[in-house]
């Protein structure tokens, strides 16, 4: 019986000489989900994905993708995956439709042409040649060509780099369409708002290790919420409360991992000392905040 996981990795390691790029990671991606692998440059993301695609052989650990070992380079495995690189070259003299037809001809059971065009939003552009497409439309064609062979799993590298805001949102709709087709998507992205909008789950990879995994909402909670208020300068806050003071607008900012306790201590102190906490508010941090904090902790050698 085939595993319910599209990707299952245990103890994966990969070294280049004395440099260990991937340091014993475990990873599971469910069938039919959009999963984002995040991390700063040099974190080991590209090495990990190239092992999953079958371009690199690991030094240690086990890797199963759609039930196959990618290192064996079996044709049946290659026919079940699609790869969309950050930059793809297409034949400029072929129309959108002709380009997709060409790729479809390489596979035994390709996705119907009209389905490929519909899910990528290219139906009305089927007769257009690539040089007349916008950047966002060209990226749609990249995805269409990766989807043409009807893969069960699509590897997607930085799907919206360089896009304007509307083109990015159009691309997000396209990716949601892939999920409705039952496709599994493993993507990399440097846009945290993109991950929050389209990914079912995500993992953050730093220095060859996966340091956090969960839903985008779970990951965002790793960033401490901030309590803000305005008051006069040089307040003697209670012991244990450290605040950042912005002189321009007389605003205090307090980050806290225990929001209820911090609010209790702060408000009790304010009542006892007759201090007015104007514009008191709580700001939940974003996934982008969490990603930055995790990266900074790793750079400083701090554990979660």
C-alpha atoms as a PDB file:
ATOM      1  CA  UNK A   1       0.000   0.000   0.000  1.00  0.00           C
ATOM      2  CA  UNK A   2       1.366   3.412  -0.987  1.00  0.00           C
ATOM      3  CA  UNK A   3       2.069   5.828   1.856  1.00  0.00           C
ATOM      4  CA  UNK A   4      -0.292   8.736   2.480  1.00  0.00           C
ATOM      5  CA  UNK A   5       2.831  10.906   2.399  1.00  0.00           C
ATOM      6  CA  UNK A   6       3.958  12.295  -0.932  1.00  0.00           C
ATOM      7  CA  UNK A   7       7.396  12.903   0.586  1.00  0.00           C
ATOM      8  CA  UNK A   8       8.941  11.084   3.528  1.00  0.00           C
ATOM      9  CA  UNK A   9      12.500  11.888   4.597  1.00  0.00           C
ATOM     10  CA  UNK A  10      14.351  10.500   7.633  1.00  0.00           C
ATOM     11  CA  UNK A  11      17.821  11.471   8.845  1.00  0.00           C
ATOM     12  CA  UNK A  12      18.802  13.086   5.532  1.00  0.00           C
ATOM     13  CA  UNK A  13      22.409  14.247   5.278  1.00  0.00           C
ATOM     14  CA  UNK A  14      24.399  15.698   2.407  1.00  0.00           C
ATOM     15  CA  UNK A  15      27.977  16.973   2.421  1.00  0.00           C
ATOM     16  CA  UNK A  16      30.228  18.652  -0.108  1.00  0.00           C
ATOM     17  CA  UNK A  17      33.708  17.751   1.041  1.00  0.00           C
ATOM     18  CA  UNK A  18      34.050  18.974   4.630  1.00  0.00           C
ATOM     19  CA  UNK A  19      30.946  21.147   4.388  1.00  0.00           C
ATOM     20  CA  UNK A  20      27.697  19.544   5.563  1.00  0.00           C
ATOM     21  CA  UNK A  21      24.820  21.281   3.778  1.00  0.00           C
ATOM     22  CA  UNK A  22      22.000  19.118   5.174  1.00  0.00           C
ATOM     23  CA  UNK A  23      22.359  17.916   8.759  1.00  0.00           C
ATOM     24  CA  UNK A  24      20.047  14.993   9.431  1.00  0.00           C
ATOM     25  CA  UNK A  25      16.600  16.381   8.666  1.00  0.00           C
ATOM     26  CA  UNK A  26      13.236  14.624   8.911  1.00  0.00           C
ATOM     27  CA  UNK A  27      10.406  15.800   6.680  1.00  0.00           C
ATOM     28  CA  UNK A  28       6.922  14.610   5.733  1.00  0.00           C
ATOM     29  CA  UNK A  29       4.665  16.169   3.121  1.00  0.00           C
ATOM     30  CA  UNK A  30       1.081  14.958   2.875  1.00  0.00           C
ATOM     31  CA  UNK A  31      -0.410  14.007  -0.468  1.00  0.00           C
ATOM     32  CA  UNK A  32      -2.535  16.804  -1.897  1.00  0.00           C
ATOM     33  CA  UNK A  33      -1.105  19.685   0.126  1.00  0.00           C
ATOM     34  CA  UNK A  34       0.880  22.781  -0.756  1.00  0.00           C
ATOM     35  CA  UNK A  35       4.004  22.667   1.390  1.00  0.00           C
ATOM     36  CA  UNK A  36       6.532  25.506   1.613  1.00  0.00           C
ATOM     37  CA  UNK A  37      10.210  24.970   2.425  1.00  0.00           C
ATOM     38  CA  UNK A  38      11.588  28.233   3.776  1.00  0.00           C
ATOM     39  CA  UNK A  39      14.997  29.445   4.791  1.00  0.00           C
ATOM     40  CA  UNK A  40      17.672  32.067   4.123  1.00  0.00           C
ATOM     41  CA  UNK A  41      20.185  31.620   1.329  1.00  0.00           C
ATOM     42  CA  UNK A  42      22.605  28.823   2.156  1.00  0.00           C
ATOM     43  CA  UNK A  43      20.188  27.071   4.507  1.00  0.00           C
ATOM     44  CA  UNK A  44      20.231  23.809   2.535  1.00  0.00           C
ATOM     45  CA  UNK A  45      16.860  24.140   0.774  1.00  0.00           C
ATOM     46  CA  UNK A  46      18.178  23.736  -2.766  1.00  0.00           C
ATOM     47  CA  UNK A  47      20.305  20.726  -1.836  1.00  0.00           C
ATOM     48  CA  UNK A  48      17.313  19.076  -0.138  1.00  0.00           C
ATOM     49  CA  UNK A  49      15.016  19.654  -3.100  1.00  0.00           C
ATOM     50  CA  UNK A  50      17.588  18.441  -5.631  1.00  0.00           C
ATOM     51  CA  UNK A  51      17.882  15.207  -3.632  1.00  0.00           C
ATOM     52  CA  UNK A  52      14.081  14.837  -3.717  1.00  0.00           C
ATOM     53  CA  UNK A  53      14.095  15.449  -7.464  1.00  0.00           C
ATOM     54  CA  UNK A  54      16.826  12.866  -7.984  1.00  0.00           C
ATOM     55  CA  UNK A  55      19.612  15.186  -9.114  1.00  0.00           C
ATOM     56  CA  UNK A  56      21.753  14.604  -6.009  1.00  0.00           C
ATOM     57  CA  UNK A  57      22.485  11.503  -3.951  1.00  0.00           C
ATOM     58  CA  UNK A  58      22.424  11.832  -0.140  1.00  0.00           C
ATOM     59  CA  UNK A  59      25.280  10.712   2.087  1.00  0.00           C
ATOM     60  CA  UNK A  60      22.933   9.279   4.698  1.00  0.00           C
ATOM     61  CA  UNK A  61      19.269   8.852   5.534  1.00  0.00           C
ATOM     62  CA  UNK A  62      16.244   7.528   3.687  1.00  0.00           C
ATOM     63  CA  UNK A  63      14.190   9.362   1.048  1.00  0.00           C
ATOM     64  CA  UNK A  64      10.854   8.237  -0.379  1.00  0.00           C
ATOM     65  CA  UNK A  65       8.994  10.420  -2.848  1.00  0.00           C
ATOM     66  CA  UNK A  66       5.643   9.062  -4.068  1.00  0.00           C
ATOM     67  CA  UNK A  67       6.898   5.726  -2.757  1.00  0.00           C
ATOM     68  CA  UNK A  68      10.092   5.785  -4.861  1.00  0.00           C
ATOM     69  CA  UNK A  69      13.763   6.331  -4.140  1.00  0.00           C
ATOM     70  CA  UNK A  70      14.663   9.331  -6.360  1.00  0.00           C
ATOM     71  CA  UNK A  71      18.320   8.234  -6.505  1.00  0.00           C
ATOM     72  CA  UNK A  72      17.323   5.203  -8.632  1.00  0.00           C
ATOM     73  CA  UNK A  73      16.219   7.456 -11.512  1.00  0.00           C
ATOM     74  CA  UNK A  74      13.290   5.234 -12.468  1.00  0.00           C
ATOM     75  CA  UNK A  75      11.282   6.462 -15.431  1.00  0.00           C
ATOM     76  CA  UNK A  76       7.982   5.766 -13.690  1.00  0.00           C
ATOM     77  CA  UNK A  77       9.063   8.120 -10.908  1.00  0.00           C
ATOM     78  CA  UNK A  78      10.167  10.881 -13.270  1.00  0.00           C
ATOM     79  CA  UNK A  79       6.802  10.722 -15.037  1.00  0.00           C
ATOM     80  CA  UNK A  80       5.020  11.391 -11.765  1.00  0.00           C
ATOM     81  CA  UNK A  81       6.849  14.601 -10.863  1.00  0.00           C
ATOM     82  CA  UNK A  82       6.935  18.043 -12.455  1.00  0.00           C
ATOM     83  CA  UNK A  83       9.721  20.580 -11.941  1.00  0.00           C
ATOM     84  CA  UNK A  84       9.339  24.338 -12.409  1.00  0.00           C
ATOM     85  CA  UNK A  85      12.651  26.164 -12.037  1.00  0.00           C
ATOM     86  CA  UNK A  86      12.940  29.833 -11.121  1.00  0.00           C
ATOM     87  CA  UNK A  87      13.835  30.576 -14.730  1.00  0.00           C
ATOM     88  CA  UNK A  88      12.733  28.425 -17.662  1.00  0.00           C
ATOM     89  CA  UNK A  89      13.695  28.769 -21.326  1.00  0.00           C
ATOM     90  CA  UNK A  90      10.924  28.179 -23.854  1.00  0.00           C
ATOM     91  CA  UNK A  91      11.024  28.046 -27.629  1.00  0.00           C
ATOM     92  CA  UNK A  92      10.153  31.584 -28.746  1.00  0.00           C
ATOM     93  CA  UNK A  93       8.697  30.498 -32.093  1.00  0.00           C
ATOM     94  CA  UNK A  94       6.106  28.194 -30.539  1.00  0.00           C
ATOM     95  CA  UNK A  95       2.781  29.487 -29.233  1.00  0.00           C
ATOM     96  CA  UNK A  96       1.620  28.812 -25.682  1.00  0.00           C
ATOM     97  CA  UNK A  97      -0.476  25.899 -26.902  1.00  0.00           C
ATOM     98  CA  UNK A  98       2.321  24.463 -29.061  1.00  0.00           C
ATOM     99  CA  UNK A  99       4.807  24.660 -26.179  1.00  0.00           C
ATOM    100  CA  UNK A 100       2.465  22.724 -23.909  1.00  0.00           C
ATOM    101  CA  UNK A 101       1.685  20.171 -26.631  1.00  0.00           C
ATOM    102  CA  UNK A 102       5.411  19.554 -27.091  1.00  0.00           C
ATOM    103  CA  UNK A 103       5.917  18.784 -23.404  1.00  0.00           C
ATOM    104  CA  UNK A 104       2.755  16.631 -23.292  1.00  0.00           C
ATOM    105  CA  UNK A 105       4.196  14.482 -26.095  1.00  0.00           C
ATOM    106  CA  UNK A 106       6.969  13.283 -23.764  1.00  0.00           C
ATOM    107  CA  UNK A 107       4.521  11.533 -21.402  1.00  0.00           C
ATOM    108  CA  UNK A 108       2.302   8.474 -21.650  1.00  0.00           C
ATOM    109  CA  UNK A 109      -0.635   9.936 -19.715  1.00  0.00           C
ATOM    110  CA  UNK A 110      -0.449  13.718 -19.995  1.00  0.00           C
ATOM    111  CA  UNK A 111      -3.006  16.089 -18.567  1.00  0.00           C
ATOM    112  CA  UNK A 112      -5.559  17.142 -21.232  1.00  0.00           C
ATOM    113  CA  UNK A 113      -4.438  20.297 -22.993  1.00  0.00           C
ATOM    114  CA  UNK A 114      -7.582  22.263 -22.197  1.00  0.00           C
ATOM    115  CA  UNK A 115      -7.248  21.350 -18.513  1.00  0.00           C
ATOM    116  CA  UNK A 116      -3.659  22.612 -18.439  1.00  0.00           C
ATOM    117  CA  UNK A 117      -4.682  25.875 -20.075  1.00  0.00           C
ATOM    118  CA  UNK A 118      -7.667  26.332 -17.778  1.00  0.00           C
ATOM    119  CA  UNK A 119      -5.927  25.661 -14.479  1.00  0.00           C
ATOM    120  CA  UNK A 120      -3.069  28.040 -15.352  1.00  0.00           C
ATOM    121  CA  UNK A 121      -5.323  30.753 -16.769  1.00  0.00           C
ATOM    122  CA  UNK A 122      -3.864  30.569 -20.269  1.00  0.00           C
ATOM    123  CA  UNK A 123      -6.935  29.591 -22.292  1.00  0.00           C
ATOM    124  CA  UNK A 124      -7.300  33.025 -23.905  1.00  0.00           C
ATOM    125  CA  UNK A 125      -3.566  33.167 -24.620  1.00  0.00           C
ATOM    126  CA  UNK A 126      -3.182  29.775 -26.273  1.00  0.00           C
ATOM    127  CA  UNK A 127      -2.237  31.246 -29.695  1.00  0.00           C
ATOM    128  CA  UNK A 128       0.210  33.828 -28.295  1.00  0.00           C
ATOM    129  CA  UNK A 129       3.979  33.401 -28.539  1.00  0.00           C
ATOM    130  CA  UNK A 130       6.087  33.700 -25.355  1.00  0.00           C
ATOM    131  CA  UNK A 131       7.816  36.947 -26.326  1.00  0.00           C
ATOM    132  CA  UNK A 132       4.440  38.710 -26.224  1.00  0.00           C
ATOM    133  CA  UNK A 133       3.580  37.473 -22.735  1.00  0.00           C
ATOM    134  CA  UNK A 134       3.991  39.531 -19.573  1.00  0.00           C
ATOM    135  CA  UNK A 135       6.264  38.300 -16.783  1.00  0.00           C
ATOM    136  CA  UNK A 136       3.328  36.844 -14.882  1.00  0.00           C
ATOM    137  CA  UNK A 137       1.944  35.159 -17.998  1.00  0.00           C
ATOM    138  CA  UNK A 138       5.350  33.637 -18.774  1.00  0.00           C
ATOM    139  CA  UNK A 139       5.447  32.212 -15.256  1.00  0.00           C
ATOM    140  CA  UNK A 140       2.026  30.688 -15.845  1.00  0.00           C
ATOM    141  CA  UNK A 141       3.450  29.049 -18.962  1.00  0.00           C
ATOM    142  CA  UNK A 142       6.359  27.689 -16.885  1.00  0.00           C
ATOM    143  CA  UNK A 143       3.872  26.080 -14.502  1.00  0.00           C
ATOM    144  CA  UNK A 144       1.747  24.823 -17.399  1.00  0.00           C
ATOM    145  CA  UNK A 145       4.747  23.034 -18.879  1.00  0.00           C
ATOM    146  CA  UNK A 146       5.589  21.524 -15.493  1.00  0.00           C
ATOM    147  CA  UNK A 147       1.986  20.373 -15.186  1.00  0.00           C
ATOM    148  CA  UNK A 148       1.606  19.060 -18.746  1.00  0.00           C
ATOM    149  CA  UNK A 149       2.751  15.522 -17.925  1.00  0.00           C
ATOM    150  CA  UNK A 150       0.026  15.230 -15.258  1.00  0.00           C
ATOM    151  CA  UNK A 151       2.439  14.885 -12.303  1.00  0.00           C
ATOM    152  CA  UNK A 152       1.259  13.920  -8.849  1.00  0.00           C
ATOM    153  CA  UNK A 153       3.921  16.150  -7.309  1.00  0.00           C
ATOM    154  CA  UNK A 154       5.091  19.547  -8.542  1.00  0.00           C
ATOM    155  CA  UNK A 155       8.352  21.143  -7.383  1.00  0.00           C
ATOM    156  CA  UNK A 156       7.994  24.908  -7.699  1.00  0.00           C
ATOM    157  CA  UNK A 157      10.915  27.282  -7.128  1.00  0.00           C
ATOM    158  CA  UNK A 158      10.110  30.910  -6.217  1.00  0.00           C
ATOM    159  CA  UNK A 159       6.840  31.075  -8.187  1.00  0.00           C
ATOM    160  CA  UNK A 160       6.304  34.865  -8.082  1.00  0.00           C
ATOM    161  CA  UNK A 161       9.759  36.460  -7.960  1.00  0.00           C
ATOM    162  CA  UNK A 162       9.630  39.873  -9.652  1.00  0.00           C
ATOM    163  CA  UNK A 163       5.839  39.960  -9.955  1.00  0.00           C
ATOM    164  CA  UNK A 164       3.718  43.039  -9.342  1.00  0.00           C
ATOM    165  CA  UNK A 165       1.033  42.684  -6.607  1.00  0.00           C
ATOM    166  CA  UNK A 166      -1.822  41.782  -8.973  1.00  0.00           C
ATOM    167  CA  UNK A 167       0.269  39.218 -10.863  1.00  0.00           C
ATOM    168  CA  UNK A 168       1.245  37.604  -7.557  1.00  0.00           C
ATOM    169  CA  UNK A 169      -2.380  37.259  -6.484  1.00  0.00           C
ATOM    170  CA  UNK A 170      -3.274  35.769  -9.873  1.00  0.00           C
ATOM    171  CA  UNK A 171      -0.466  33.236  -9.383  1.00  0.00           C
ATOM    172  CA  UNK A 172      -1.835  32.364  -5.938  1.00  0.00           C
ATOM    173  CA  UNK A 173      -5.211  31.595  -7.505  1.00  0.00           C
ATOM    174  CA  UNK A 174      -3.460  29.344  -9.996  1.00  0.00           C
ATOM    175  CA  UNK A 175      -1.714  27.429  -7.217  1.00  0.00           C
ATOM    176  CA  UNK A 176      -5.005  26.958  -5.375  1.00  0.00           C
ATOM    177  CA  UNK A 177      -6.363  25.455  -8.590  1.00  0.00           C
ATOM    178  CA  UNK A 178      -3.567  22.874  -8.489  1.00  0.00           C
ATOM    179  CA  UNK A 179      -4.609  21.864  -4.994  1.00  0.00           C
ATOM    180  CA  UNK A 180      -8.189  21.408  -6.210  1.00  0.00           C
ATOM    181  CA  UNK A 181      -6.823  19.005  -8.845  1.00  0.00           C
ATOM    182  CA  UNK A 182      -5.363  16.926  -6.013  1.00  0.00           C
ATOM    183  CA  UNK A 183      -1.760  17.791  -6.870  1.00  0.00           C
ATOM    184  CA  UNK A 184       0.928  17.979  -4.202  1.00  0.00           C
ATOM    185  CA  UNK A 185       3.100  21.086  -4.443  1.00  0.00           C
ATOM    186  CA  UNK A 186       6.465  21.635  -2.759  1.00  0.00           C
ATOM    187  CA  UNK A 187       7.493  25.245  -3.190  1.00  0.00           C
ATOM    188  CA  UNK A 188      10.216  27.595  -2.048  1.00  0.00           C
ATOM    189  CA  UNK A 189       9.523  31.282  -1.560  1.00  0.00           C
ATOM    190  CA  UNK A 190      11.044  34.366   0.031  1.00  0.00           C
ATOM    191  CA  UNK A 191       7.606  35.999   0.316  1.00  0.00           C
ATOM    192  CA  UNK A 192       6.081  35.146   3.676  1.00  0.00           C
ATOM    193  CA  UNK A 193       2.692  36.635   2.789  1.00  0.00           C
ATOM    194  CA  UNK A 194       2.619  34.262  -0.171  1.00  0.00           C
ATOM    195  CA  UNK A 195       3.197  31.291   2.109  1.00  0.00           C
ATOM    196  CA  UNK A 196       0.487  32.491   4.494  1.00  0.00           C
ATOM    197  CA  UNK A 197      -2.022  32.705   1.638  1.00  0.00           C
ATOM    198  CA  UNK A 198      -1.428  29.441  -0.194  1.00  0.00           C
ATOM    199  CA  UNK A 199       0.527  26.915   1.893  1.00  0.00           C
ATOM    200  CA  UNK A 200      -1.134  24.249   4.019  1.00  0.00           C
ATOM    201  CA  UNK A 201       2.057  23.788   6.030  1.00  0.00           C
ATOM    202  CA  UNK A 202       5.626  25.026   5.997  1.00  0.00           C
ATOM    203  CA  UNK A 203       9.047  24.204   7.399  1.00  0.00           C
ATOM    204  CA  UNK A 204      11.831  26.644   8.184  1.00  0.00           C
ATOM    205  CA  UNK A 205      15.313  25.402   7.363  1.00  0.00           C
ATOM    206  CA  UNK A 206      18.375  27.153   8.819  1.00  0.00           C
ATOM    207  CA  UNK A 207      22.000  26.022   8.658  1.00  0.00           C
ATOM    208  CA  UNK A 208      21.123  22.594   7.287  1.00  0.00           C
ATOM    209  CA  UNK A 209      18.458  21.843   9.904  1.00  0.00           C
ATOM    210  CA  UNK A 210      14.694  22.150  10.079  1.00  0.00           C
ATOM    211  CA  UNK A 211      14.111  24.389  13.086  1.00  0.00           C
ATOM    212  CA  UNK A 212      10.330  24.726  12.894  1.00  0.00           C
ATOM    213  CA  UNK A 213       7.429  23.071  11.096  1.00  0.00           C
ATOM    214  CA  UNK A 214       3.674  23.573  11.098  1.00  0.00           C
ATOM    215  CA  UNK A 215       0.896  25.649   9.574  1.00  0.00           C
ATOM    216  CA  UNK A 216       1.801  29.237   8.642  1.00  0.00           C
ATOM    217  CA  UNK A 217      -0.291  30.332  11.628  1.00  0.00           C
ATOM    218  CA  UNK A 218       1.665  28.036  13.947  1.00  0.00           C
ATOM    219  CA  UNK A 219       4.943  29.422  12.658  1.00  0.00           C
ATOM    220  CA  UNK A 220       3.771  33.023  13.025  1.00  0.00           C
ATOM    221  CA  UNK A 221       3.087  32.393  16.716  1.00  0.00           C
ATOM    222  CA  UNK A 222       6.820  31.848  17.197  1.00  0.00           C
ATOM    223  CA  UNK A 223       7.198  35.621  16.975  1.00  0.00           C
ATOM    224  CA  UNK A 224       6.305  37.200  20.289  1.00  0.00           C
ATOM    225  CA  UNK A 225       3.273  39.548  20.256  1.00  0.00           C
ATOM    226  CA  UNK A 226       3.903  43.193  21.070  1.00  0.00           C
ATOM    227  CA  UNK A 227       2.100  45.352  23.634  1.00  0.00           C
ATOM    228  CA  UNK A 228       2.192  49.044  22.774  1.00  0.00           C
ATOM    229  CA  UNK A 229       1.029  52.175  24.579  1.00  0.00           C
ATOM    230  CA  UNK A 230       1.841  55.867  24.790  1.00  0.00           C
ATOM    231  CA  UNK A 231       2.964  57.556  27.996  1.00  0.00           C
ATOM    232  CA  UNK A 232       5.494  60.037  29.328  1.00  0.00           C
ATOM    233  CA  UNK A 233       9.187  59.237  28.994  1.00  0.00           C
ATOM    234  CA  UNK A 234      11.372  57.628  31.649  1.00  0.00           C
ATOM    235  CA  UNK A 235       8.714  55.461  33.264  1.00  0.00           C
ATOM    236  CA  UNK A 236       9.979  53.160  35.987  1.00  0.00           C
ATOM    237  CA  UNK A 237       8.288  50.011  34.754  1.00  0.00           C
ATOM    238  CA  UNK A 238       7.909  46.972  37.040  1.00  0.00           C
ATOM    239  CA  UNK A 239      10.853  44.613  37.364  1.00  0.00           C
ATOM    240  CA  UNK A 240      10.944  42.103  34.531  1.00  0.00           C
ATOM    241  CA  UNK A 241       9.280  44.363  31.961  1.00  0.00           C
ATOM    242  CA  UNK A 242      11.638  45.682  29.322  1.00  0.00           C
ATOM    243  CA  UNK A 243      10.258  48.217  26.891  1.00  0.00           C
ATOM    244  CA  UNK A 244      11.526  49.941  23.773  1.00  0.00           C
ATOM    245  CA  UNK A 245      10.688  53.653  23.863  1.00  0.00           C
ATOM    246  CA  UNK A 246      10.064  55.679  20.697  1.00  0.00           C
ATOM    247  CA  UNK A 247      10.602  59.307  21.641  1.00  0.00           C
ATOM    248  CA  UNK A 248       8.951  60.718  18.512  1.00  0.00           C
ATOM    249  CA  UNK A 249       5.457  59.484  19.420  1.00  0.00           C
ATOM    250  CA  UNK A 250       6.065  58.682  23.110  1.00  0.00           C
ATOM    251  CA  UNK A 251       5.314  55.024  22.407  1.00  0.00           C
ATOM    252  CA  UNK A 252       6.445  52.057  24.470  1.00  0.00           C
ATOM    253  CA  UNK A 253       6.768  48.586  22.921  1.00  0.00           C
ATOM    254  CA  UNK A 254       6.948  45.432  25.042  1.00  0.00           C
ATOM    255  CA  UNK A 255       7.464  42.000  23.452  1.00  0.00           C
ATOM    256  CA  UNK A 256       6.142  39.115  25.528  1.00  0.00           C
ATOM    257  CA  UNK A 257       5.977  35.330  25.300  1.00  0.00           C
ATOM    258  CA  UNK A 258       3.412  35.293  28.163  1.00  0.00           C
ATOM    259  CA  UNK A 259       0.891  37.882  27.064  1.00  0.00           C
ATOM    260  CA  UNK A 260      -1.645  37.416  29.878  1.00  0.00           C
ATOM    261  CA  UNK A 261       0.948  37.671  32.645  1.00  0.00           C
ATOM    262  CA  UNK A 262       2.642  40.695  31.077  1.00  0.00           C
ATOM    263  CA  UNK A 263      -0.650  42.530  30.654  1.00  0.00           C
ATOM    264  CA  UNK A 264      -1.602  41.776  34.259  1.00  0.00           C
ATOM    265  CA  UNK A 265       1.706  43.069  35.605  1.00  0.00           C
ATOM    266  CA  UNK A 266       1.597  46.180  33.401  1.00  0.00           C
ATOM    267  CA  UNK A 267      -2.014  47.180  34.038  1.00  0.00           C
ATOM    268  CA  UNK A 268      -1.821  46.447  37.791  1.00  0.00           C
ATOM    269  CA  UNK A 269       1.273  48.649  38.028  1.00  0.00           C
ATOM    270  CA  UNK A 270      -0.433  51.411  36.007  1.00  0.00           C
ATOM    271  CA  UNK A 271      -3.504  51.401  38.266  1.00  0.00           C
ATOM    272  CA  UNK A 272      -1.430  51.441  41.457  1.00  0.00           C
ATOM    273  CA  UNK A 273       0.725  54.320  40.195  1.00  0.00           C
ATOM    274  CA  UNK A 274      -2.035  56.265  38.433  1.00  0.00           C
ATOM    275  CA  UNK A 275      -0.282  55.987  35.065  1.00  0.00           C
ATOM    276  CA  UNK A 276      -2.360  56.443  31.933  1.00  0.00           C
ATOM    277  CA  UNK A 277      -1.595  53.875  29.210  1.00  0.00           C
ATOM    278  CA  UNK A 278      -2.930  55.660  26.157  1.00  0.00           C
ATOM    279  CA  UNK A 279      -3.740  53.720  22.983  1.00  0.00           C
ATOM    280  CA  UNK A 280      -2.959  50.412  24.683  1.00  0.00           C
ATOM    281  CA  UNK A 281      -2.991  47.684  22.035  1.00  0.00           C
ATOM    282  CA  UNK A 282      -1.693  44.207  21.232  1.00  0.00           C
ATOM    283  CA  UNK A 283      -0.134  43.395  17.870  1.00  0.00           C
ATOM    284  CA  UNK A 284       0.141  39.796  16.727  1.00  0.00           C
ATOM    285  CA  UNK A 285       3.285  39.246  14.730  1.00  0.00           C
ATOM    286  CA  UNK A 286       3.364  37.933  11.168  1.00  0.00           C
ATOM    287  CA  UNK A 287       5.068  34.927   9.621  1.00  0.00           C
ATOM    288  CA  UNK A 288       7.627  37.359   8.240  1.00  0.00           C
ATOM    289  CA  UNK A 289       8.415  38.502  11.799  1.00  0.00           C
ATOM    290  CA  UNK A 290       8.775  34.883  12.937  1.00  0.00           C
ATOM    291  CA  UNK A 291      11.076  34.049  10.033  1.00  0.00           C
ATOM    292  CA  UNK A 292      13.338  37.024  10.808  1.00  0.00           C
ATOM    293  CA  UNK A 293      13.444  36.162  14.519  1.00  0.00           C
ATOM    294  CA  UNK A 294      14.278  32.516  13.857  1.00  0.00           C
ATOM    295  CA  UNK A 295      17.039  33.492  11.447  1.00  0.00           C
ATOM    296  CA  UNK A 296      18.514  35.968  13.918  1.00  0.00           C
ATOM    297  CA  UNK A 297      18.426  33.394  16.724  1.00  0.00           C
ATOM    298  CA  UNK A 298      20.267  30.895  14.535  1.00  0.00           C
ATOM    299  CA  UNK A 299      22.888  33.469  13.564  1.00  0.00           C
ATOM    300  CA  UNK A 300      23.409  34.237  17.255  1.00  0.00           C
ATOM    301  CA  UNK A 301      23.678  30.537  18.132  1.00  0.00           C
ATOM    302  CA  UNK A 302      20.474  30.586  20.181  1.00  0.00           C
ATOM    303  CA  UNK A 303      18.068  27.674  20.452  1.00  0.00           C
ATOM    304  CA  UNK A 304      14.329  28.064  20.204  1.00  0.00           C
END
